[in-house]
Amino acid sequence: MAQSTPRRIRRRFAHRFQAALSCWLLLLFLLPCRPADSGEPPDWQETLTAARGQTVDWYMWGGSPAVNSFVNGYLAREVQSRFGITLRQVPVKDIAEVMSKLLVEKQAGKMRGGSADLLWINGENFRTGKSHGLLYGPFAERLPNQRYVDWRKPTVASDFGTPVEGLESPWGSAQMVMIYDSARTPQPPRTVAELLDWIGANPGRFAYPAPPDFTGSAFVRQIFYHASGEVELWQGEYRPAELEAAAGATYTILRDLKPFLWRGGSTYPESPVRMNSLFADGEIDFSFSYHQGDASRYILDGLFPPTVRTFIFAEGTISNTHFVAIPFNAQDQAGAMVVANFLLSPEAQLEKARPEVWGDFPAIDPGRLPPEWQQRFADLPRGPATLADEVLQAGQLPEPPSTILVHLEKGWQQQVLKQR
């Protein structure tokens, strides 16, 4: 008996539905798939595609062998193998020179084809770049790995008093520590006042790099907090007369200190590297660093004896976050963004935190990572001279605004260096 018309229609519909379903399943299988919780912005794949084959010229301070080795070794290899990006470090003594060049290019209308693609920038130069429109962005919120950053932290949201607002991306955190040899100085001074007394009682055994070297300038800012007796005052509104009085007291302390410094204050170490050499050679009894893991790394490298240790002052020491920024006219902006994003990856943050690599502390919050990565950070060796996190965090002092930094550096040149 022939099939009825409705039955033939139902059968034909079933065949067509099955064929359509097969096509849809095949299409879904062939389409690229991204997990719903990947955290990648919709256009990030476009950024990765544009970045492949680019050369990122990273202008940065080149005075640290550990930093240079990390950038030119691990980091350059990883961004090349993962993203097809060539990373070139361009060492500079002072990033202010690059900012001056960018300002000239902006005024001349050179909006593309700049020589710098990425900058390791400090608060003073960030303020200059932001106020003159020399930086690309905001771009930080477009980086997938920014989800690991705690942007609520004051040292992350603000760079030396200037709101970041997406124009920088963090890549590490640092805190000033004092370095001493426990075999040579078993009872080091524990406050700034005690250190000043110690220097006066031990002529020629202390030195600090001449500002505007960043480490030397950090020592001056630490003395500024001591001389003023204030920290919070400088984070908000203050009167010019208050700054002049505190700066004047700072210069007085440092002038009085000069005759008791290494070589009678007639010269200053030109860099932290030179200061560390003097310490290692026994010419001075203290060094200090704005990288809390430096002493441990120098021990591992054989530059410091195993008895070297670190401490922070009872009143605390200054700390900050270091950032990267992208110039407004960078030739390879996509590549710079990919490098900035990889710097925030758990892999890169863990690598540079290793004592034998750099000992730099993370810019990300390990608590935001998957459990296995949290454990890897928890298991990371600290190094023999590196203080515990709870000790450091209990003594963190915020940096003053960059306007105060500039004021103190210029005042030091006139009121301390040029005074006899």
Protein backbone atom coordinates (compact mmCIF):
# COMPACT_ATOMS: atom_id res chain seq x y z
CA MET A 1 0.00 0.00 0.00
CA ALA A 2 1.34 3.44 -0.83
CA GLN A 3 2.36 5.72 2.07
CA SER A 4 -0.05 8.47 2.96
CA THR A 5 0.96 12.04 2.12
CA PRO A 6 1.38 13.23 5.78
CA ARG A 7 3.65 10.31 6.55
CA ARG A 8 5.88 11.03 3.55
CA ILE A 9 6.08 14.70 4.61
CA ARG A 10 7.06 13.77 8.18
CA ARG A 11 9.72 11.40 6.92
CA ARG A 12 11.14 13.96 4.48
CA PHE A 13 11.20 16.59 7.28
CA ALA A 14 13.02 14.19 9.61
CA HIS A 15 15.70 13.54 6.99
CA ARG A 16 16.19 17.26 6.35
CA PHE A 17 16.30 18.04 10.10
CA GLN A 18 18.94 15.35 10.65
CA ALA A 19 21.03 16.70 7.76
CA ALA A 20 20.76 20.27 9.07
CA LEU A 21 21.72 19.16 12.55
CA SER A 22 24.79 17.36 11.18
CA CYS A 23 25.84 20.49 9.33
CA TRP A 24 25.50 22.64 12.43
CA LEU A 25 27.51 20.20 14.55
CA LEU A 26 30.24 20.12 11.90
CA LEU A 27 30.29 23.91 11.77
CA LEU A 28 30.59 24.19 15.55
CA PHE A 29 33.44 21.68 15.49
CA LEU A 30 35.32 23.65 12.86
CA LEU A 31 34.85 27.08 14.47
CA PRO A 32 37.60 28.23 16.87
CA CYS A 33 36.41 27.97 20.43
CA ARG A 34 37.35 30.16 23.41
CA PRO A 35 36.47 29.28 26.98
CA ALA A 36 33.84 31.54 28.52
CA ASP A 37 36.17 32.41 31.41
CA SER A 38 39.26 33.14 29.31
CA GLY A 39 39.14 36.81 30.32
CA GLU A 40 40.21 37.93 26.84
CA PRO A 41 38.63 41.10 25.45
CA PRO A 42 36.87 40.54 22.10
CA ASP A 43 39.61 42.26 20.09
CA TRP A 44 42.60 40.62 21.80
CA GLN A 45 42.99 38.03 19.03
CA GLU A 46 43.27 40.91 16.57
CA THR A 47 46.02 42.41 18.75
CA LEU A 48 47.91 39.10 18.78
CA THR A 49 47.65 38.83 15.01
CA ALA A 50 48.88 42.39 14.48
CA ALA A 51 51.77 41.88 16.92
CA ARG A 52 53.22 38.82 15.17
CA GLY A 53 56.39 39.78 13.32
CA GLN A 54 56.77 43.13 15.09
CA THR A 55 59.92 44.34 16.84
CA VAL A 56 59.32 45.96 20.22
CA ASP A 57 62.04 48.41 21.28
CA TRP A 58 61.87 48.66 25.06
CA TYR A 59 63.56 51.81 26.39
CA MET A 60 64.48 51.22 30.00
CA TRP A 61 67.05 51.85 32.70
CA GLY A 62 69.96 49.53 31.96
CA GLY A 63 71.87 49.70 35.23
CA SER A 64 70.86 46.34 36.68
CA PRO A 65 72.58 43.18 35.37
CA ALA A 66 69.75 41.05 36.78
CA VAL A 67 67.04 43.05 35.01
CA ASN A 68 69.01 43.10 31.77
CA SER A 69 69.50 39.34 31.91
CA PHE A 70 65.80 38.72 32.56
CA VAL A 71 64.69 40.97 29.69
CA ASN A 72 67.26 39.86 27.11
CA GLY A 73 67.13 36.21 28.13
CA TYR A 74 63.90 34.71 29.41
CA LEU A 75 61.51 37.46 28.32
CA ALA A 76 62.92 37.88 24.80
CA ARG A 77 62.86 34.10 24.22
CA GLU A 78 59.29 33.71 25.47
CA VAL A 79 57.68 36.52 23.48
CA GLN A 80 59.47 35.32 20.36
CA SER A 81 58.42 31.68 20.74
CA ARG A 82 54.86 32.40 21.93
CA PHE A 83 53.92 35.47 19.87
CA GLY A 84 56.52 35.90 17.13
CA ILE A 85 57.69 39.21 18.63
CA THR A 86 61.30 40.37 18.63
CA LEU A 87 62.09 42.21 21.87
CA ARG A 88 65.02 44.62 21.89
CA GLN A 89 66.18 46.31 25.07
CA VAL A 90 67.39 49.88 24.59
CA PRO A 91 69.27 50.79 27.80
CA VAL A 92 69.10 54.42 28.90
CA LYS A 93 70.51 56.13 31.96
CA ASP A 94 67.47 58.35 32.46
CA ILE A 95 64.09 57.82 30.80
CA ALA A 96 63.57 61.60 31.05
CA GLU A 97 65.71 61.89 27.91
CA VAL A 98 63.18 59.77 26.02
CA MET A 99 60.28 61.84 27.35
CA SER A 100 61.98 65.01 26.12
CA LYS A 101 62.36 63.47 22.66
CA LEU A 102 58.70 62.42 22.64
CA LEU A 103 57.65 65.96 23.54
CA VAL A 104 59.62 67.33 20.59
CA GLU A 105 58.06 64.75 18.27
CA LYS A 106 54.56 65.58 19.54
CA GLN A 107 55.12 69.29 18.95
CA ALA A 108 56.47 68.51 15.45
CA GLY A 109 53.38 66.45 14.63
CA LYS A 110 55.17 63.09 14.36
CA MET A 111 52.21 60.98 15.38
CA ARG A 112 53.49 57.66 14.01
CA GLY A 113 56.75 55.82 13.53
CA GLY A 114 58.37 56.66 16.87
CA SER A 115 61.55 54.82 17.84
CA ALA A 116 60.32 53.70 21.28
CA ASP A 117 57.57 51.10 21.61
CA LEU A 118 57.63 50.42 25.35
CA LEU A 119 58.95 52.41 28.32
CA TRP A 120 59.93 51.42 31.85
CA ILE A 121 58.68 54.63 33.36
CA ASN A 122 58.83 56.14 36.85
CA GLY A 123 56.38 58.46 38.57
CA GLU A 124 58.13 61.68 37.65
CA ASN A 125 58.23 60.88 33.95
CA PHE A 126 54.75 59.38 33.99
CA ARG A 127 53.39 62.68 35.28
CA THR A 128 55.20 64.49 32.45
CA GLY A 129 53.98 62.02 29.83
CA LYS A 130 50.40 62.08 31.02
CA SER A 131 50.16 65.85 31.30
CA HIS A 132 51.56 66.39 27.78
CA GLY A 133 49.66 63.58 26.06
CA LEU A 134 52.81 61.58 25.30
CA LEU A 135 51.37 58.18 26.20
CA TYR A 136 49.15 55.77 24.28
CA GLY A 137 45.97 54.59 25.88
CA PRO A 138 44.27 53.92 28.12
CA PHE A 139 45.35 50.38 27.29
CA ALA A 140 45.80 48.52 30.60
CA GLU A 141 42.19 47.41 30.86
CA ARG A 142 42.51 45.78 27.42
CA LEU A 143 45.18 43.35 28.67
CA PRO A 144 43.68 39.94 29.56
CA ASN A 145 46.13 39.41 32.43
CA GLN A 146 45.13 42.64 34.17
CA ARG A 147 42.49 40.52 35.92
CA TYR A 148 45.30 39.30 38.19
CA VAL A 149 46.11 42.87 39.34
CA ASP A 150 44.55 44.43 42.43
CA TRP A 151 43.84 47.90 41.08
CA ARG A 152 42.43 48.93 44.48
CA LYS A 153 45.93 49.13 45.96
CA PRO A 154 47.04 52.77 46.25
CA THR A 155 50.52 51.97 44.90
CA VAL A 156 48.92 50.44 41.78
CA ALA A 157 46.11 52.91 41.16
CA SER A 158 48.48 55.88 41.57
CA ASP A 159 52.09 56.35 40.48
CA PHE A 160 53.88 58.83 42.77
CA GLY A 161 50.63 60.69 43.30
CA THR A 162 49.48 60.64 39.66
CA PRO A 163 46.40 58.47 38.91
CA VAL A 164 47.32 55.71 36.45
CA GLU A 165 43.92 55.56 34.69
CA GLY A 166 44.97 52.80 32.31
CA LEU A 167 47.97 54.63 30.82
CA GLU A 168 50.46 52.27 32.50
CA SER A 169 50.59 48.58 33.25
CA PRO A 170 52.34 47.31 36.39
CA TRP A 171 55.03 44.66 36.12
CA GLY A 172 56.63 44.49 39.58
CA SER A 173 56.70 45.91 43.08
CA ALA A 174 59.62 47.08 45.15
CA GLN A 175 60.57 48.30 48.60
CA MET A 176 63.73 49.89 49.87
CA VAL A 177 65.83 47.67 52.17
CA MET A 178 69.12 48.31 53.95
CA ILE A 179 71.94 45.82 53.30
CA TYR A 180 74.61 44.89 55.87
CA ASP A 181 77.07 42.11 56.69
CA SER A 182 76.03 40.45 59.95
CA ALA A 183 79.62 39.29 60.51
CA ARG A 184 80.94 42.85 60.20
CA THR A 185 78.04 44.76 61.76
CA PRO A 186 76.13 42.35 64.00
CA GLN A 187 73.88 45.06 65.48
CA PRO A 188 72.90 47.46 62.67
CA PRO A 189 70.95 50.65 63.43
CA ARG A 190 67.21 50.09 63.25
CA THR A 191 65.90 53.62 62.76
CA VAL A 192 66.92 56.50 60.51
CA ALA A 193 68.05 58.48 63.54
CA GLU A 194 70.24 55.59 64.70
CA LEU A 195 71.74 55.29 61.22
CA LEU A 196 72.63 58.99 61.17
CA ASP A 197 74.30 58.62 64.57
CA TRP A 198 76.18 55.55 63.33
CA ILE A 199 77.48 57.42 60.27
CA GLY A 200 78.76 60.24 62.49
CA ALA A 201 80.53 57.72 64.74
CA ASN A 202 82.06 55.79 61.79
CA PRO A 203 83.45 58.35 59.31
CA GLY A 204 83.98 57.19 55.75
CA ARG A 205 81.96 53.99 56.12
CA PHE A 206 78.74 55.06 54.41
CA ALA A 207 77.84 56.29 50.93
CA TYR A 208 74.79 56.84 48.75
CA PRO A 209 74.52 57.39 44.98
CA ALA A 210 74.14 60.97 43.82
CA PRO A 211 70.62 61.93 42.75
CA PRO A 212 69.01 61.90 40.23
CA ASP A 213 70.08 58.25 40.38
CA PHE A 214 66.84 56.63 41.48
CA THR A 215 68.33 54.68 44.40
CA GLY A 216 70.21 57.71 45.69
CA SER A 217 67.07 59.82 45.32
CA ALA A 218 65.14 57.19 47.30
CA PHE A 219 67.59 57.62 50.19
CA VAL A 220 67.01 61.39 50.10
CA ARG A 221 63.23 60.84 50.20
CA GLN A 222 63.66 58.52 53.19
CA ILE A 223 65.58 61.30 54.98
CA PHE A 224 62.83 63.73 53.94
CA TYR A 225 60.20 61.64 55.75
CA HIS A 226 62.47 61.49 58.81
CA ALA A 227 63.20 65.23 58.78
CA SER A 228 59.55 66.20 58.39
CA GLY A 229 58.21 63.62 60.81
CA GLU A 230 55.32 63.18 58.38
CA VAL A 231 54.24 60.69 55.74
CA GLU A 232 50.49 61.12 55.26
CA LEU A 233 50.76 64.90 54.98
CA TRP A 234 52.58 64.58 51.67
CA GLN A 235 49.96 62.25 50.17
CA GLY A 236 47.31 64.98 50.10
CA GLU A 237 47.11 68.74 50.19
CA TYR A 238 50.02 70.58 51.78
CA ARG A 239 51.13 74.20 51.83
CA PRO A 240 54.25 75.31 49.91
CA ALA A 241 55.69 76.66 53.15
CA GLU A 242 55.39 73.21 54.73
CA LEU A 243 57.31 71.63 51.85
CA GLU A 244 60.02 74.29 51.97
CA ALA A 245 60.48 73.79 55.71
CA ALA A 246 60.69 69.99 55.44
CA ALA A 247 63.00 70.13 52.40
CA GLY A 248 65.24 72.64 54.19
CA ALA A 249 65.51 70.33 57.19
CA THR A 250 66.39 67.47 54.83
CA TYR A 251 69.20 69.43 53.17
CA THR A 252 70.58 70.44 56.56
CA ILE A 253 70.82 66.80 57.66
CA LEU A 254 72.51 65.77 54.40
CA ARG A 255 74.96 68.71 54.47
CA ASP A 256 75.93 67.86 58.03
CA LEU A 257 76.41 64.26 56.91
CA LYS A 258 78.80 65.06 54.05
CA PRO A 259 82.10 65.14 56.00
CA PHE A 260 81.36 61.70 57.45
CA LEU A 261 80.63 60.01 54.14
CA TRP A 262 82.94 57.90 51.99
CA ARG A 263 85.84 60.06 50.78
CA GLY A 264 84.62 62.86 53.01
CA GLY A 265 81.65 63.52 50.74
CA SER A 266 83.94 64.87 48.01
CA THR A 267 82.38 62.40 45.56
CA TYR A 268 79.42 60.04 45.44
CA PRO A 269 79.00 56.60 43.86
CA GLU A 270 77.58 57.07 40.39
CA SER A 271 75.21 54.10 40.64
CA PRO A 272 73.91 51.34 42.93
CA VAL A 273 76.30 48.95 41.19
CA ARG A 274 79.26 51.06 42.32
CA MET A 275 77.85 51.33 45.85
CA ASN A 276 77.46 47.55 46.01
CA SER A 277 81.06 47.12 44.84
CA LEU A 278 82.26 49.40 47.63
CA PHE A 279 80.24 47.35 50.11
CA ALA A 280 81.51 44.02 48.77
CA ASP A 281 85.11 45.29 48.89
CA GLY A 282 84.72 46.37 52.52
CA GLU A 283 85.13 50.10 51.84
CA ILE A 284 81.70 50.88 53.28
CA ASP A 285 79.60 48.95 55.79
CA PHE A 286 76.13 49.43 54.33
CA SER A 287 74.47 49.33 50.98
CA PHE A 288 70.78 49.57 50.18
CA SER A 289 68.47 48.70 47.33
CA TYR A 290 65.02 49.46 46.05
CA HIS A 291 64.72 45.77 45.17
CA GLN A 292 64.17 43.70 48.29
CA GLY A 293 65.62 40.54 46.76
CA ASP A 294 68.88 42.03 45.44
CA ALA A 295 71.05 41.01 48.40
CA SER A 296 70.00 37.35 48.15
CA ARG A 297 70.77 37.32 44.44
CA TYR A 298 74.21 38.84 45.03
CA ILE A 299 74.90 36.13 47.60
CA LEU A 300 73.88 33.45 45.10
CA ASP A 301 76.09 35.09 42.46
CA GLY A 302 79.06 35.10 44.85
CA LEU A 303 79.32 38.90 44.91
CA PHE A 304 78.27 39.19 48.57
CA PRO A 305 79.37 36.89 51.42
CA PRO A 306 76.72 34.49 52.80
CA THR A 307 76.53 36.51 56.04
CA VAL A 308 74.89 39.50 54.30
CA ARG A 309 71.37 40.31 55.47
CA THR A 310 68.77 43.07 55.03
CA PHE A 311 66.54 45.12 57.31
CA ILE A 312 63.99 47.91 57.11
CA PHE A 313 63.74 50.81 59.52
CA ALA A 314 61.34 50.56 62.42
CA GLU A 315 59.39 53.49 60.97
CA GLY A 316 59.23 51.72 57.59
CA THR A 317 60.78 52.24 54.16
CA ILE A 318 59.37 53.64 50.94
CA SER A 319 57.83 51.29 48.40
CA ASN A 320 56.22 51.49 44.99
CA THR A 321 55.06 49.65 41.90
CA HIS A 322 57.02 49.77 38.66
CA PHE A 323 55.13 50.22 35.41
CA VAL A 324 55.50 50.07 31.65
CA ALA A 325 53.88 52.57 29.28
CA ILE A 326 53.53 52.88 25.52
CA PRO A 327 54.45 56.13 23.71
CA PHE A 328 51.71 57.88 21.76
CA ASN A 329 53.56 57.34 18.45
CA ALA A 330 54.98 53.86 19.01
CA GLN A 331 55.61 52.05 15.74
CA ASP A 332 54.59 48.66 17.12
CA GLN A 333 51.82 49.35 19.62
CA ALA A 334 50.23 45.91 19.29
CA GLY A 335 53.53 44.18 20.06
CA ALA A 336 54.08 46.47 23.05
CA MET A 337 50.65 45.56 24.43
CA VAL A 338 51.35 41.85 24.07
CA VAL A 339 54.69 42.21 25.89
CA ALA A 340 53.01 44.23 28.66
CA ASN A 341 50.35 41.53 28.97
CA PHE A 342 52.89 38.71 29.14
CA LEU A 343 54.77 40.58 31.86
CA LEU A 344 51.62 40.14 33.97
CA SER A 345 51.36 36.42 33.29
CA PRO A 346 51.90 34.01 36.21
CA GLU A 347 54.82 32.49 34.29
CA ALA A 348 56.74 35.76 33.86
CA GLN A 349 55.92 37.03 37.35
CA LEU A 350 57.14 33.79 38.93
CA GLU A 351 60.33 33.73 36.85
CA LYS A 352 61.47 37.23 37.76
CA ALA A 353 60.63 36.58 41.43
CA ARG A 354 63.17 33.74 41.63
CA PRO A 355 66.15 34.84 43.78
CA GLU A 356 68.66 33.54 41.23
CA VAL A 357 66.96 35.50 38.43
CA TRP A 358 66.07 38.89 39.95
CA GLY A 359 64.08 38.49 43.16
CA ASP A 360 61.58 41.12 42.05
CA PHE A 361 58.25 40.92 43.82
CA PRO A 362 55.04 40.31 41.86
CA ALA A 363 52.80 43.03 40.50
CA ILE A 364 49.91 40.58 40.48
CA ASP A 365 47.91 39.32 43.44
CA PRO A 366 48.67 35.57 43.77
CA GLY A 367 45.30 35.16 45.50
CA ARG A 368 43.63 35.83 42.14
CA LEU A 369 45.43 32.93 40.48
CA PRO A 370 44.27 29.31 40.13
CA PRO A 371 45.16 27.16 43.17
CA GLU A 372 48.12 25.45 41.49
CA TRP A 373 49.72 28.80 40.70
CA GLN A 374 49.04 30.10 44.20
CA GLN A 375 50.98 27.15 45.54
CA ARG A 376 53.89 27.75 43.19
CA PHE A 377 54.21 31.32 44.43
CA ALA A 378 53.91 30.15 48.04
CA ASP A 379 56.69 27.59 47.48
CA LEU A 380 59.04 30.11 45.86
CA PRO A 381 62.39 30.29 47.71
CA ARG A 382 62.97 33.71 49.22
CA GLY A 383 66.74 33.70 49.37
CA PRO A 384 68.91 33.93 52.48
CA ALA A 385 68.81 37.72 52.84
CA THR A 386 65.23 38.45 51.80
CA LEU A 387 62.79 39.50 54.50
CA ALA A 388 59.42 37.80 54.92
CA ASP A 389 56.42 39.32 53.16
CA GLU A 390 54.68 40.16 56.42
CA VAL A 391 57.75 42.06 57.66
CA LEU A 392 58.03 44.08 54.47
CA GLN A 393 54.33 44.79 54.11
CA ALA A 394 54.09 45.95 57.73
CA GLY A 395 56.72 48.59 57.01
CA GLN A 396 55.68 49.91 53.59
CA LEU A 397 55.60 53.69 53.23
CA PRO A 398 54.02 55.30 50.15
CA GLU A 399 56.17 57.40 47.88
CA PRO A 400 55.59 61.16 47.95
CA PRO A 401 54.14 62.73 44.79
CA SER A 402 56.54 63.14 41.87
CA THR A 403 56.45 66.93 42.33
CA ILE A 404 58.16 66.47 45.70
CA LEU A 405 60.65 64.04 44.15
CA VAL A 406 61.64 66.65 41.55
CA HIS A 407 61.80 69.36 44.20
CA LEU A 408 64.14 67.31 46.39
CA GLU A 409 66.42 66.25 43.53
CA LYS A 410 66.89 69.83 42.36
CA GLY A 411 67.32 71.07 45.91
CA TRP A 412 69.92 68.37 46.65
CA GLN A 413 72.01 69.55 43.71
CA GLN A 414 72.04 73.15 44.93
CA GLN A 415 71.84 72.77 48.70
CA VAL A 416 73.97 69.67 49.27
CA LEU A 417 76.18 68.73 46.31
CA LYS A 418 77.41 72.26 45.56
CA GLN A 419 77.83 73.26 49.20
CA ARG A 420 81.19 72.87 50.89
